[in-house]
Amino acid sequence: MKNDNSSFERVEEFKYLRKALTNQNSIQKEIKSRMKSGNSCYHSVQNLLSSSLLSKNLKINICRTKMLPVVLYGCETWSLTLRKKRRPRVFENRVLRRIIGPRRDERTRERIKLHNKVLNDQYSSPNIFG
């Protein structure tokens, strides 16, 4: 019997359990897909997060219990470089800033930049990857 491998097609990428797998073991597309899913999740609860009827702490709990699991699904298999760790952190900080709203100086009413460390310290939770 002739062993003919030419009948097999090489697969570059496929989805398994909602996770993008590549033949190069690259997770860049997976992270991009997770960020896209996280943004979709954010937009689906945006009305809740912009409501003045809910406290900021409740909004943050919604973020951490509903959105972050969508973003972090399957992350235990990711081998991350510092650059790749940045995207989920940016997502989390961006959502927290939207929840908190703009900060203004009480005297001058100028906008104040809220640094990431202050943001995470103020809401007593480390960022996604600690």
Protein backbone atom coordinates (compact mmCIF):
# COMPACT_ATOMS: atom_id res chain seq x y z
CA MET A 1 0.00 0.00 0.00
CA LYS A 2 1.28 3.40 -0.94
CA ASN A 3 1.39 6.01 1.84
CA ASP A 4 0.25 9.15 0.03
CA ASN A 5 0.13 12.24 2.24
CA SER A 6 -0.80 14.48 -0.68
CA SER A 7 -4.50 13.78 -0.03
CA PHE A 8 -4.31 15.57 3.33
CA GLU A 9 -4.92 19.28 3.39
CA ARG A 10 -2.83 21.39 5.73
CA VAL A 11 -4.96 23.41 8.14
CA GLU A 12 -3.55 26.79 9.10
CA GLU A 13 -6.18 27.76 11.66
CA PHE A 14 -9.37 26.37 13.18
CA LYS A 15 -11.76 26.99 16.05
CA TYR A 16 -12.07 24.43 18.85
CA LEU A 17 -14.30 25.10 21.86
CA ARG A 18 -14.63 28.73 20.68
CA LYS A 19 -10.84 29.09 20.75
CA ALA A 20 -8.77 29.94 17.67
CA LEU A 21 -5.91 27.48 17.20
CA THR A 22 -3.16 27.90 14.61
CA ASN A 23 -0.49 25.58 13.30
CA GLN A 24 2.13 28.09 14.51
CA ASN A 25 0.63 28.09 18.04
CA SER A 26 0.12 31.84 17.70
CA ILE A 27 -2.36 33.37 20.10
CA GLN A 28 -2.48 36.79 18.48
CA LYS A 29 -5.66 36.00 16.56
CA GLU A 30 -7.19 34.42 19.66
CA ILE A 31 -6.51 37.53 21.73
CA LYS A 32 -7.96 39.71 18.97
CA SER A 33 -11.05 37.49 18.86
CA ARG A 34 -11.44 37.66 22.66
CA MET A 35 -11.18 41.48 22.59
CA LYS A 36 -13.84 41.60 19.89
CA SER A 37 -16.10 39.39 22.01
CA GLY A 38 -15.41 41.58 25.05
CA ASN A 39 -16.37 44.71 23.11
CA SER A 40 -19.60 43.03 21.99
CA CYS A 41 -20.34 42.12 25.59
CA TYR A 42 -19.61 45.69 26.70
CA HIS A 43 -22.00 47.11 24.12
CA SER A 44 -24.71 44.66 25.20
CA VAL A 45 -24.60 45.98 28.81
CA GLN A 46 -23.73 49.58 27.95
CA ASN A 47 -27.19 50.79 29.01
CA LEU A 48 -26.65 49.33 32.48
CA LEU A 49 -23.17 50.82 32.77
CA SER A 50 -24.33 54.30 31.80
CA SER A 51 -27.35 54.24 34.10
CA SER A 52 -27.33 56.72 36.95
CA LEU A 53 -29.54 54.35 38.97
CA LEU A 54 -26.71 51.85 39.57
CA SER A 55 -23.75 52.47 41.85
CA LYS A 56 -20.23 52.48 40.44
CA ASN A 57 -19.36 49.43 42.54
CA LEU A 58 -22.27 47.48 41.04
CA LYS A 59 -21.19 48.53 37.55
CA ILE A 60 -17.65 47.36 38.28
CA ASN A 61 -19.02 44.03 39.53
CA ILE A 62 -20.97 43.69 36.27
CA CYS A 63 -17.76 44.34 34.36
CA ARG A 64 -15.73 41.82 36.33
CA THR A 65 -18.38 39.07 36.38
CA LYS A 66 -19.87 39.42 32.88
CA MET A 67 -17.30 40.99 30.56
CA LEU A 68 -13.91 39.84 31.83
CA PRO A 69 -14.76 36.11 31.69
CA VAL A 70 -15.65 36.60 28.01
CA VAL A 71 -12.29 38.27 27.39
CA LEU A 72 -10.31 35.75 29.43
CA TYR A 73 -11.96 32.56 28.17
CA GLY A 74 -9.18 30.04 27.58
CA CYS A 75 -6.42 32.37 28.80
CA GLU A 76 -4.91 29.61 30.93
CA THR A 77 -3.45 28.17 27.72
CA TRP A 78 -1.97 31.46 26.50
CA SER A 79 1.78 31.99 26.70
CA LEU A 80 1.91 35.75 26.95
CA THR A 81 4.63 38.21 26.26
CA LEU A 82 4.48 41.64 27.90
CA ARG A 83 3.08 43.10 24.69
CA LYS A 84 0.30 40.50 24.49
CA LYS A 85 -0.59 41.00 28.16
CA ARG A 86 -1.23 44.65 27.43
CA ARG A 87 -4.39 44.20 25.29
CA PRO A 88 -6.61 42.62 27.99
CA ARG A 89 -5.32 45.18 30.52
CA VAL A 90 -6.15 48.03 28.16
CA PHE A 91 -9.65 46.59 27.70
CA GLU A 92 -10.24 46.37 31.46
CA ASN A 93 -8.92 49.89 32.13
CA ARG A 94 -10.93 51.37 29.28
CA VAL A 95 -14.16 49.85 30.64
CA LEU A 96 -13.36 51.04 34.17
CA ARG A 97 -12.73 54.57 32.88
CA ARG A 98 -16.06 54.55 31.06
CA ILE A 99 -17.82 53.44 34.23
CA ILE A 100 -16.13 56.06 36.39
CA GLY A 101 -16.57 58.89 33.93
CA PRO A 102 -14.32 61.91 33.54
CA ARG A 103 -12.49 63.21 36.61
CA ARG A 104 -12.29 66.94 37.07
CA ASP A 105 -10.31 69.20 39.38
CA GLU A 106 -12.72 70.70 41.91
CA ARG A 107 -11.30 74.23 41.63
CA THR A 108 -10.42 74.60 37.96
CA ARG A 109 -12.90 72.02 36.54
CA GLU A 110 -10.13 70.77 34.21
CA ARG A 111 -10.03 67.11 33.33
CA ILE A 112 -7.60 65.01 35.36
CA LYS A 113 -5.88 62.01 33.84
CA LEU A 114 -6.58 58.93 35.92
CA HIS A 115 -3.45 56.76 35.83
CA ASN A 116 -3.79 52.96 35.66
CA LYS A 117 -2.25 52.34 39.09
CA VAL A 118 -4.58 54.87 40.73
CA LEU A 119 -7.51 53.38 38.82
CA ASN A 120 -6.76 49.85 40.04
CA ASP A 121 -5.89 50.98 43.60
CA GLN A 122 -9.07 53.01 43.88
CA TYR A 123 -11.27 50.07 42.94
CA SER A 124 -9.33 47.59 45.09
CA SER A 125 -8.63 45.00 42.47
CA PRO A 126 -5.45 44.15 40.65
CA ASN A 127 -5.55 44.26 36.90
CA ILE A 128 -6.40 41.14 34.91
CA PHE A 129 -2.97 39.51 35.10
CA GLY A 130 -1.96 40.76 38.55
